[in-house]
Amino acid sequence: MNIVMRAGTPADMGRIQQIVEQIWGIGADWALEEKYGAVGDERWDRWLVPKAITRIWDEIDSLIVTELDGQIVGFITYAMSAARKVGTIHFNGVAHEGRGKGIGTMQVEKVLEIFREAGMEYACVGTALNEGHAAARRVYEKCGFEPVIEYRTYSQKL
């Protein structure tokens, strides 16, 4: 098992989109569809995938990809505020074939190292409280994150 982490490039975006499509059926867009059926006459991923990919493109300078035996199986993006000395993890995902190998933890630890080297004093990350995000919460807690505030999304059919 050969794991390599490197800076992401525009050439990686097709594979990152595949991973987003594969794993992100756990978030708010998906949950809204589970509750009400198709929202806007499109599946959840029609709304989520372009949103996520656009933001990842915006953060391409802070994109790290993880390869397992030459195949991209994970990615993570982040931002830093020099004024506040806060680093924030934005997107963190591992494809099904990369799970259970510590890749999510390695990605978070790599970004925490970048934050420390840049003089950040705090690191933040957000994730949902549903079962679909349980693995992410375990990774963040394993890496030393502690809950600060809980967040809930409310909806109603009009």
N, C-alpha and C. Protein backbone atom coordinates (compact mmCIF):
# COMPACT_ATOMS: atom_id res chain seq x y z
N MET A 1 0.85 -1.18 0.00
CA MET A 1 0.00 0.00 0.00
C MET A 1 0.89 1.24 0.00
N ASN A 2 0.84 1.99 -1.09
CA ASN A 2 1.66 3.19 -1.25
C ASN A 2 0.75 4.42 -1.20
N ILE A 3 0.87 5.22 -0.14
CA ILE A 3 0.05 6.42 0.03
C ILE A 3 0.93 7.65 -0.17
N VAL A 4 0.48 8.55 -1.07
CA VAL A 4 1.19 9.79 -1.36
C VAL A 4 0.21 10.95 -1.23
N MET A 5 0.62 11.99 -0.52
CA MET A 5 -0.16 13.22 -0.44
C MET A 5 0.59 14.30 -1.20
N ARG A 6 -0.14 15.08 -1.99
CA ARG A 6 0.49 16.12 -2.81
C ARG A 6 -0.48 17.25 -3.04
N ALA A 7 0.05 18.35 -3.54
CA ALA A 7 -0.79 19.50 -3.90
C ALA A 7 -1.71 19.09 -5.05
N GLY A 8 -2.96 19.49 -4.96
CA GLY A 8 -3.91 19.22 -6.02
C GLY A 8 -3.68 20.13 -7.21
N THR A 9 -4.10 19.68 -8.38
CA THR A 9 -3.96 20.46 -9.61
C THR A 9 -5.30 20.46 -10.35
N PRO A 10 -5.45 21.33 -11.32
CA PRO A 10 -6.68 21.30 -12.13
C PRO A 10 -6.94 19.94 -12.77
N ALA A 11 -5.89 19.21 -13.11
CA ALA A 11 -6.06 17.90 -13.72
C ALA A 11 -6.71 16.89 -12.78
N ASP A 12 -6.70 17.16 -11.48
CA ASP A 12 -7.29 16.25 -10.48
C ASP A 12 -8.80 16.45 -10.31
N MET A 13 -9.33 17.54 -10.84
CA MET A 13 -10.71 17.91 -10.53
C MET A 13 -11.74 16.89 -11.03
N GLY A 14 -11.50 16.24 -12.13
CA GLY A 14 -12.44 15.22 -12.60
C GLY A 14 -12.58 14.10 -11.60
N ARG A 15 -11.47 13.62 -11.07
CA ARG A 15 -11.52 12.54 -10.07
C ARG A 15 -12.14 13.04 -8.77
N ILE A 16 -11.84 14.27 -8.38
CA ILE A 16 -12.43 14.81 -7.16
C ILE A 16 -13.95 14.88 -7.31
N GLN A 17 -14.42 15.28 -8.48
CA GLN A 17 -15.87 15.31 -8.70
C GLN A 17 -16.46 13.90 -8.56
N GLN A 18 -15.78 12.90 -9.06
CA GLN A 18 -16.27 11.53 -8.91
C GLN A 18 -16.39 11.14 -7.44
N ILE A 19 -15.40 11.53 -6.65
CA ILE A 19 -15.44 11.22 -5.21
C ILE A 19 -16.60 11.95 -4.54
N VAL A 20 -16.78 13.24 -4.86
CA VAL A 20 -17.90 14.00 -4.29
C VAL A 20 -19.22 13.31 -4.62
N GLU A 21 -19.40 12.91 -5.88
CA GLU A 21 -20.63 12.23 -6.28
C GLU A 21 -20.81 10.92 -5.53
N GLN A 22 -19.72 10.22 -5.26
CA GLN A 22 -19.78 8.93 -4.59
C GLN A 22 -20.12 9.04 -3.11
N ILE A 23 -19.55 10.01 -2.42
CA ILE A 23 -19.61 9.99 -0.95
C ILE A 23 -20.54 11.02 -0.32
N TRP A 24 -20.95 12.05 -1.03
CA TRP A 24 -21.66 13.13 -0.35
C TRP A 24 -23.16 12.95 -0.32
N GLY A 25 -23.65 11.74 -0.41
CA GLY A 25 -25.07 11.49 -0.23
C GLY A 25 -25.41 11.40 1.24
N ILE A 26 -24.93 12.36 2.01
CA ILE A 26 -25.14 12.35 3.46
C ILE A 26 -25.49 13.73 4.01
N GLY A 27 -25.43 14.74 3.17
CA GLY A 27 -25.56 16.11 3.63
C GLY A 27 -26.96 16.68 3.54
N ALA A 28 -27.05 18.00 3.66
CA ALA A 28 -28.33 18.69 3.74
C ALA A 28 -29.15 18.54 2.46
N ASP A 29 -28.52 18.64 1.29
CA ASP A 29 -29.27 18.49 0.04
C ASP A 29 -29.88 17.09 -0.07
N TRP A 30 -29.11 16.09 0.30
CA TRP A 30 -29.59 14.71 0.29
C TRP A 30 -30.71 14.54 1.32
N ALA A 31 -30.52 15.06 2.52
CA ALA A 31 -31.52 14.92 3.58
C ALA A 31 -32.83 15.59 3.21
N LEU A 32 -32.77 16.74 2.56
CA LEU A 32 -33.98 17.42 2.11
C LEU A 32 -34.75 16.55 1.13
N GLU A 33 -34.03 15.92 0.21
CA GLU A 33 -34.66 15.03 -0.76
C GLU A 33 -35.24 13.78 -0.08
N GLU A 34 -34.54 13.26 0.90
CA GLU A 34 -35.04 12.09 1.63
C GLU A 34 -36.36 12.42 2.33
N LYS A 35 -36.47 13.64 2.82
CA LYS A 35 -37.67 14.05 3.55
C LYS A 35 -38.83 14.38 2.62
N TYR A 36 -38.56 15.08 1.50
CA TYR A 36 -39.64 15.61 0.67
C TYR A 36 -39.72 15.02 -0.73
N GLY A 37 -38.74 14.24 -1.14
CA GLY A 37 -38.68 13.81 -2.53
C GLY A 37 -37.84 14.81 -3.32
N ALA A 38 -37.84 14.68 -4.63
CA ALA A 38 -37.02 15.55 -5.46
C ALA A 38 -37.31 17.02 -5.17
N VAL A 39 -36.26 17.80 -4.99
CA VAL A 39 -36.37 19.23 -4.73
C VAL A 39 -35.93 19.96 -5.99
N GLY A 40 -36.83 20.73 -6.58
CA GLY A 40 -36.51 21.43 -7.82
C GLY A 40 -36.47 20.48 -9.01
N ASP A 41 -37.17 19.38 -8.91
CA ASP A 41 -37.26 18.39 -9.99
C ASP A 41 -35.91 17.82 -10.39
N GLU A 42 -34.94 17.84 -9.51
CA GLU A 42 -33.62 17.27 -9.76
C GLU A 42 -33.19 16.49 -8.52
N ARG A 43 -32.31 15.52 -8.72
CA ARG A 43 -31.75 14.79 -7.59
C ARG A 43 -30.83 15.71 -6.78
N TRP A 44 -30.60 15.34 -5.52
CA TRP A 44 -29.75 16.13 -4.62
C TRP A 44 -28.38 16.42 -5.22
N ASP A 45 -27.80 15.45 -5.90
CA ASP A 45 -26.44 15.66 -6.40
C ASP A 45 -26.37 16.69 -7.52
N ARG A 46 -27.49 16.91 -8.22
CA ARG A 46 -27.53 17.95 -9.25
C ARG A 46 -27.29 19.33 -8.64
N TRP A 47 -27.71 19.49 -7.39
CA TRP A 47 -27.53 20.78 -6.71
C TRP A 47 -26.20 20.82 -5.96
N LEU A 48 -25.86 19.74 -5.30
CA LEU A 48 -24.68 19.73 -4.44
C LEU A 48 -23.37 19.68 -5.21
N VAL A 49 -23.26 18.81 -6.18
CA VAL A 49 -21.97 18.60 -6.85
C VAL A 49 -21.44 19.89 -7.48
N PRO A 50 -22.22 20.64 -8.26
CA PRO A 50 -21.66 21.88 -8.81
C PRO A 50 -21.26 22.88 -7.73
N LYS A 51 -22.04 22.94 -6.65
CA LYS A 51 -21.71 23.84 -5.53
C LYS A 51 -20.36 23.47 -4.93
N ALA A 52 -20.19 22.20 -4.63
CA ALA A 52 -18.95 21.74 -4.00
C ALA A 52 -17.76 21.91 -4.94
N ILE A 53 -17.92 21.52 -6.18
CA ILE A 53 -16.80 21.60 -7.13
C ILE A 53 -16.40 23.06 -7.37
N THR A 54 -17.36 23.96 -7.44
CA THR A 54 -17.04 25.38 -7.60
C THR A 54 -16.21 25.88 -6.43
N ARG A 55 -16.60 25.51 -5.22
CA ARG A 55 -15.83 25.95 -4.04
C ARG A 55 -14.45 25.32 -4.01
N ILE A 56 -14.36 24.05 -4.42
CA ILE A 56 -13.04 23.40 -4.44
C ILE A 56 -12.15 24.07 -5.48
N TRP A 57 -12.71 24.42 -6.65
CA TRP A 57 -11.93 25.17 -7.65
C TRP A 57 -11.44 26.48 -7.04
N ASP A 58 -12.31 27.17 -6.29
CA ASP A 58 -11.93 28.44 -5.66
C ASP A 58 -10.78 28.26 -4.67
N GLU A 59 -10.68 27.06 -4.10
CA GLU A 59 -9.66 26.77 -3.09
C GLU A 59 -8.54 25.90 -3.64
N ILE A 60 -8.35 25.90 -4.95
CA ILE A 60 -7.38 24.98 -5.56
C ILE A 60 -5.96 25.21 -5.03
N ASP A 61 -5.65 26.41 -4.60
CA ASP A 61 -4.32 26.67 -4.04
C ASP A 61 -4.13 26.03 -2.67
N SER A 62 -5.22 25.61 -2.05
CA SER A 62 -5.13 24.93 -0.75
C SER A 62 -5.71 23.51 -0.84
N LEU A 63 -5.67 22.93 -2.02
CA LEU A 63 -6.18 21.58 -2.24
C LEU A 63 -5.04 20.57 -2.12
N ILE A 64 -5.25 19.57 -1.29
CA ILE A 64 -4.32 18.46 -1.16
C ILE A 64 -5.06 17.20 -1.58
N VAL A 65 -4.44 16.39 -2.41
CA VAL A 65 -5.03 15.11 -2.80
C VAL A 65 -4.18 13.99 -2.22
N THR A 66 -4.85 12.87 -1.98
CA THR A 66 -4.17 11.68 -1.47
C THR A 66 -4.34 10.56 -2.48
N GLU A 67 -3.22 9.98 -2.85
CA GLU A 67 -3.22 8.87 -3.79
C GLU A 67 -2.91 7.57 -3.05
N LEU A 68 -3.60 6.53 -3.42
CA LEU A 68 -3.34 5.18 -2.93
C LEU A 68 -2.95 4.36 -4.14
N ASP A 69 -1.71 3.90 -4.16
CA ASP A 69 -1.19 3.13 -5.30
C ASP A 69 -1.45 3.84 -6.63
N GLY A 70 -1.22 5.17 -6.63
CA GLY A 70 -1.32 5.96 -7.86
C GLY A 70 -2.71 6.45 -8.22
N GLN A 71 -3.73 6.07 -7.45
CA GLN A 71 -5.12 6.48 -7.72
C GLN A 71 -5.56 7.47 -6.65
N ILE A 72 -6.13 8.62 -7.05
CA ILE A 72 -6.63 9.58 -6.06
C ILE A 72 -7.82 8.97 -5.33
N VAL A 73 -7.69 8.92 -4.00
CA VAL A 73 -8.78 8.38 -3.17
C VAL A 73 -9.26 9.37 -2.12
N GLY A 74 -8.60 10.54 -2.03
CA GLY A 74 -9.03 11.51 -1.03
C GLY A 74 -8.56 12.91 -1.38
N PHE A 75 -9.19 13.88 -0.71
CA PHE A 75 -8.81 15.28 -0.91
C PHE A 75 -9.25 16.07 0.30
N ILE A 76 -8.60 17.22 0.48
CA ILE A 76 -8.94 18.13 1.58
C ILE A 76 -8.60 19.54 1.14
N THR A 77 -9.42 20.51 1.54
CA THR A 77 -9.13 21.92 1.30
C THR A 77 -9.22 22.68 2.62
N TYR A 78 -8.62 23.85 2.63
CA TYR A 78 -8.58 24.63 3.86
C TYR A 78 -8.38 26.11 3.54
N ALA A 79 -8.55 26.94 4.56
CA ALA A 79 -8.28 28.37 4.45
C ALA A 79 -7.64 28.82 5.76
N MET A 80 -6.92 29.93 5.68
CA MET A 80 -6.27 30.47 6.88
C MET A 80 -6.52 31.96 6.96
N SER A 81 -6.75 32.44 8.17
CA SER A 81 -6.88 33.86 8.44
C SER A 81 -5.69 34.29 9.29
N ALA A 82 -4.76 35.01 8.65
CA ALA A 82 -3.59 35.49 9.38
C ALA A 82 -3.99 36.48 10.48
N ALA A 83 -5.02 37.29 10.22
CA ALA A 83 -5.45 38.28 11.20
C ALA A 83 -6.01 37.62 12.46
N ARG A 84 -6.79 36.56 12.28
CA ARG A 84 -7.40 35.88 13.43
C ARG A 84 -6.56 34.71 13.92
N LYS A 85 -5.59 34.28 13.09
CA LYS A 85 -4.75 33.12 13.40
C LYS A 85 -5.59 31.85 13.53
N VAL A 86 -6.57 31.72 12.60
CA VAL A 86 -7.47 30.57 12.59
C VAL A 86 -7.37 29.88 11.23
N GLY A 87 -7.12 28.60 11.27
CA GLY A 87 -7.16 27.79 10.07
C GLY A 87 -8.44 26.98 10.06
N THR A 88 -9.09 26.87 8.91
CA THR A 88 -10.36 26.18 8.81
C THR A 88 -10.29 25.12 7.71
N ILE A 89 -10.67 23.91 8.05
CA ILE A 89 -10.79 22.85 7.07
C ILE A 89 -12.16 23.00 6.43
N HIS A 90 -12.21 22.98 5.10
CA HIS A 90 -13.48 23.14 4.40
C HIS A 90 -14.01 21.81 3.86
N PHE A 91 -13.34 21.23 2.90
CA PHE A 91 -13.79 19.97 2.30
C PHE A 91 -12.79 18.88 2.64
N ASN A 92 -13.31 17.73 3.03
CA ASN A 92 -12.47 16.60 3.38
C ASN A 92 -13.23 15.35 2.98
N GLY A 93 -12.71 14.61 2.03
CA GLY A 93 -13.43 13.43 1.57
C GLY A 93 -12.49 12.30 1.20
N VAL A 94 -12.96 11.07 1.44
CA VAL A 94 -12.22 9.87 1.08
C VAL A 94 -13.17 8.94 0.35
N ALA A 95 -12.76 8.49 -0.83
CA ALA A 95 -13.56 7.56 -1.63
C ALA A 95 -13.72 6.24 -0.87
N HIS A 96 -14.76 5.50 -1.22
CA HIS A 96 -15.02 4.23 -0.54
C HIS A 96 -13.81 3.31 -0.56
N GLU A 97 -13.11 3.25 -1.68
CA GLU A 97 -11.98 2.33 -1.78
C GLU A 97 -10.77 2.77 -0.95
N GLY A 98 -10.80 3.98 -0.41
CA GLY A 98 -9.71 4.45 0.43
C GLY A 98 -10.03 4.43 1.91
N ARG A 99 -11.22 4.05 2.25
CA ARG A 99 -11.64 4.10 3.65
C ARG A 99 -11.04 2.97 4.47
N GLY A 100 -10.91 3.25 5.77
CA GLY A 100 -10.38 2.25 6.69
C GLY A 100 -8.87 2.13 6.64
N LYS A 101 -8.20 3.05 5.98
CA LYS A 101 -6.75 2.99 5.85
C LYS A 101 -6.08 4.19 6.53
N GLY A 102 -6.84 5.00 7.24
CA GLY A 102 -6.29 6.16 7.94
C GLY A 102 -6.08 7.38 7.06
N ILE A 103 -6.63 7.36 5.85
CA ILE A 103 -6.40 8.46 4.91
C ILE A 103 -7.05 9.75 5.38
N GLY A 104 -8.28 9.68 5.87
CA GLY A 104 -8.93 10.89 6.38
C GLY A 104 -8.13 11.52 7.51
N THR A 105 -7.64 10.70 8.42
CA THR A 105 -6.83 11.19 9.53
C THR A 105 -5.53 11.80 9.01
N MET A 106 -4.88 11.14 8.05
CA MET A 106 -3.63 11.68 7.48
C MET A 106 -3.87 13.04 6.83
N GLN A 107 -4.99 13.19 6.14
CA GLN A 107 -5.30 14.47 5.49
C GLN A 107 -5.45 15.57 6.52
N VAL A 108 -6.20 15.29 7.58
CA VAL A 108 -6.41 16.29 8.62
C VAL A 108 -5.08 16.63 9.30
N GLU A 109 -4.30 15.61 9.62
CA GLU A 109 -3.01 15.87 10.28
C GLU A 109 -2.09 16.71 9.39
N LYS A 110 -2.11 16.47 8.09
CA LYS A 110 -1.30 17.26 7.16
C LYS A 110 -1.71 18.73 7.19
N VAL A 111 -3.01 18.99 7.17
CA VAL A 111 -3.49 20.37 7.21
C VAL A 111 -3.17 21.01 8.56
N LEU A 112 -3.30 20.28 9.64
CA LEU A 112 -2.93 20.83 10.95
C LEU A 112 -1.45 21.22 10.98
N GLU A 113 -0.61 20.43 10.34
CA GLU A 113 0.81 20.74 10.23
C GLU A 113 1.01 22.04 9.44
N ILE A 114 0.28 22.21 8.37
CA ILE A 114 0.35 23.44 7.56
C ILE A 114 -0.09 24.63 8.42
N PHE A 115 -1.17 24.46 9.17
CA PHE A 115 -1.64 25.54 10.04
C PHE A 115 -0.57 25.94 11.06
N ARG A 116 0.03 24.95 11.70
CA ARG A 116 1.04 25.25 12.71
C ARG A 116 2.24 25.98 12.09
N GLU A 117 2.70 25.50 10.94
CA GLU A 117 3.84 26.13 10.26
C GLU A 117 3.52 27.56 9.84
N ALA A 118 2.25 27.86 9.57
CA ALA A 118 1.84 29.20 9.16
C ALA A 118 1.54 30.11 10.35
N GLY A 119 1.67 29.60 11.57
CA GLY A 119 1.45 30.41 12.75
C GLY A 119 0.00 30.50 13.21
N MET A 120 -0.84 29.62 12.70
CA MET A 120 -2.23 29.60 13.17
C MET A 120 -2.25 29.15 14.63
N GLU A 121 -3.15 29.71 15.41
CA GLU A 121 -3.28 29.34 16.81
C GLU A 121 -4.49 28.46 17.07
N TYR A 122 -5.42 28.43 16.13
CA TYR A 122 -6.63 27.62 16.27
C TYR A 122 -6.95 26.95 14.95
N ALA A 123 -7.58 25.80 15.04
CA ALA A 123 -8.05 25.09 13.85
C ALA A 123 -9.53 24.78 14.06
N CYS A 124 -10.31 24.94 13.00
CA CYS A 124 -11.75 24.69 13.06
C CYS A 124 -12.17 23.81 11.89
N VAL A 125 -13.23 23.08 12.11
CA VAL A 125 -13.87 22.28 11.06
C VAL A 125 -15.31 22.08 11.47
N GLY A 126 -16.19 22.03 10.50
CA GLY A 126 -17.61 21.79 10.79
C GLY A 126 -18.05 20.51 10.12
N THR A 127 -18.99 19.83 10.75
CA THR A 127 -19.57 18.63 10.16
C THR A 127 -20.96 18.43 10.76
N ALA A 128 -21.77 17.71 10.05
CA ALA A 128 -23.14 17.48 10.50
C ALA A 128 -23.17 16.44 11.63
N LEU A 129 -24.30 16.37 12.30
CA LEU A 129 -24.45 15.47 13.44
C LEU A 129 -25.17 14.17 13.08
N ASN A 130 -25.52 13.99 11.81
CA ASN A 130 -26.24 12.78 11.42
C ASN A 130 -25.29 11.59 11.33
N GLU A 131 -25.85 10.40 11.16
CA GLU A 131 -25.06 9.17 11.10
C GLU A 131 -24.10 9.18 9.91
N GLY A 132 -24.48 9.81 8.81
CA GLY A 132 -23.63 9.86 7.64
C GLY A 132 -22.31 10.57 7.87
N HIS A 133 -22.27 11.44 8.86
CA HIS A 133 -21.05 12.18 9.18
C HIS A 133 -20.31 11.61 10.40
N ALA A 134 -20.75 10.48 10.91
CA ALA A 134 -20.14 9.90 12.11
C ALA A 134 -18.65 9.61 11.91
N ALA A 135 -18.28 9.07 10.76
CA ALA A 135 -16.87 8.77 10.51
C ALA A 135 -16.03 10.04 10.51
N ALA A 136 -16.56 11.11 9.93
CA ALA A 136 -15.84 12.38 9.92
C ALA A 136 -15.64 12.89 11.34
N ARG A 137 -16.70 12.81 12.15
CA ARG A 137 -16.56 13.27 13.54
C ARG A 137 -15.50 12.46 14.27
N ARG A 138 -15.44 11.15 14.04
CA ARG A 138 -14.42 10.32 14.69
C ARG A 138 -13.01 10.76 14.28
N VAL A 139 -12.83 11.06 13.00
CA VAL A 139 -11.51 11.52 12.52
C VAL A 139 -11.14 12.83 13.21
N TYR A 140 -12.05 13.78 13.24
CA TYR A 140 -11.73 15.08 13.82
C TYR A 140 -11.43 14.95 15.32
N GLU A 141 -12.22 14.15 16.02
CA GLU A 141 -11.96 13.96 17.45
C GLU A 141 -10.63 13.25 17.67
N LYS A 142 -10.31 12.27 16.82
CA LYS A 142 -9.04 11.56 16.90
C LYS A 142 -7.87 12.53 16.72
N CYS A 143 -8.07 13.55 15.90
CA CYS A 143 -7.03 14.55 15.62
C CYS A 143 -7.02 15.68 16.65
N GLY A 144 -7.85 15.59 17.69
CA GLY A 144 -7.80 16.56 18.78
C GLY A 144 -8.84 17.66 18.75
N PHE A 145 -9.75 17.65 17.78
CA PHE A 145 -10.80 18.66 17.74
C PHE A 145 -11.83 18.38 18.83
N GLU A 146 -12.40 19.45 19.37
CA GLU A 146 -13.46 19.35 20.37
C GLU A 146 -14.68 20.11 19.88
N PRO A 147 -15.88 19.63 20.20
CA PRO A 147 -17.09 20.37 19.79
C PRO A 147 -17.13 21.74 20.45
N VAL A 148 -17.59 22.73 19.68
CA VAL A 148 -17.72 24.09 20.18
C VAL A 148 -19.20 24.50 20.19
N ILE A 149 -19.89 24.21 19.10
CA ILE A 149 -21.30 24.59 18.96
C ILE A 149 -21.99 23.55 18.09
N GLU A 150 -23.22 23.26 18.40
CA GLU A 150 -24.01 22.36 17.55
C GLU A 150 -24.87 23.20 16.63
N TYR A 151 -25.12 22.67 15.45
CA TYR A 151 -25.85 23.40 14.43
C TYR A 151 -26.95 22.50 13.90
N ARG A 152 -28.09 23.07 13.61
CA ARG A 152 -29.21 22.29 13.09
C ARG A 152 -29.82 23.04 11.92
N THR A 153 -30.15 22.30 10.85
CA THR A 153 -30.85 22.86 9.71
C THR A 153 -32.33 22.50 9.83
N TYR A 154 -33.19 23.49 9.72
CA TYR A 154 -34.62 23.28 9.77
C TYR A 154 -35.20 23.44 8.37
N SER A 155 -36.30 22.78 8.11
CA SER A 155 -36.96 22.94 6.81
C SER A 155 -38.47 22.78 7.00
N GLN A 156 -39.21 23.23 6.00
CA GLN A 156 -40.65 22.98 5.95
C GLN A 156 -41.08 23.03 4.50
N LYS A 157 -42.07 22.25 4.17
CA LYS A 157 -42.63 22.27 2.83
C LYS A 157 -43.66 23.39 2.78
N LEU A 158 -43.55 24.25 1.80
CA LEU A 158 -44.47 25.38 1.67
C LEU A 158 -45.61 25.07 0.71
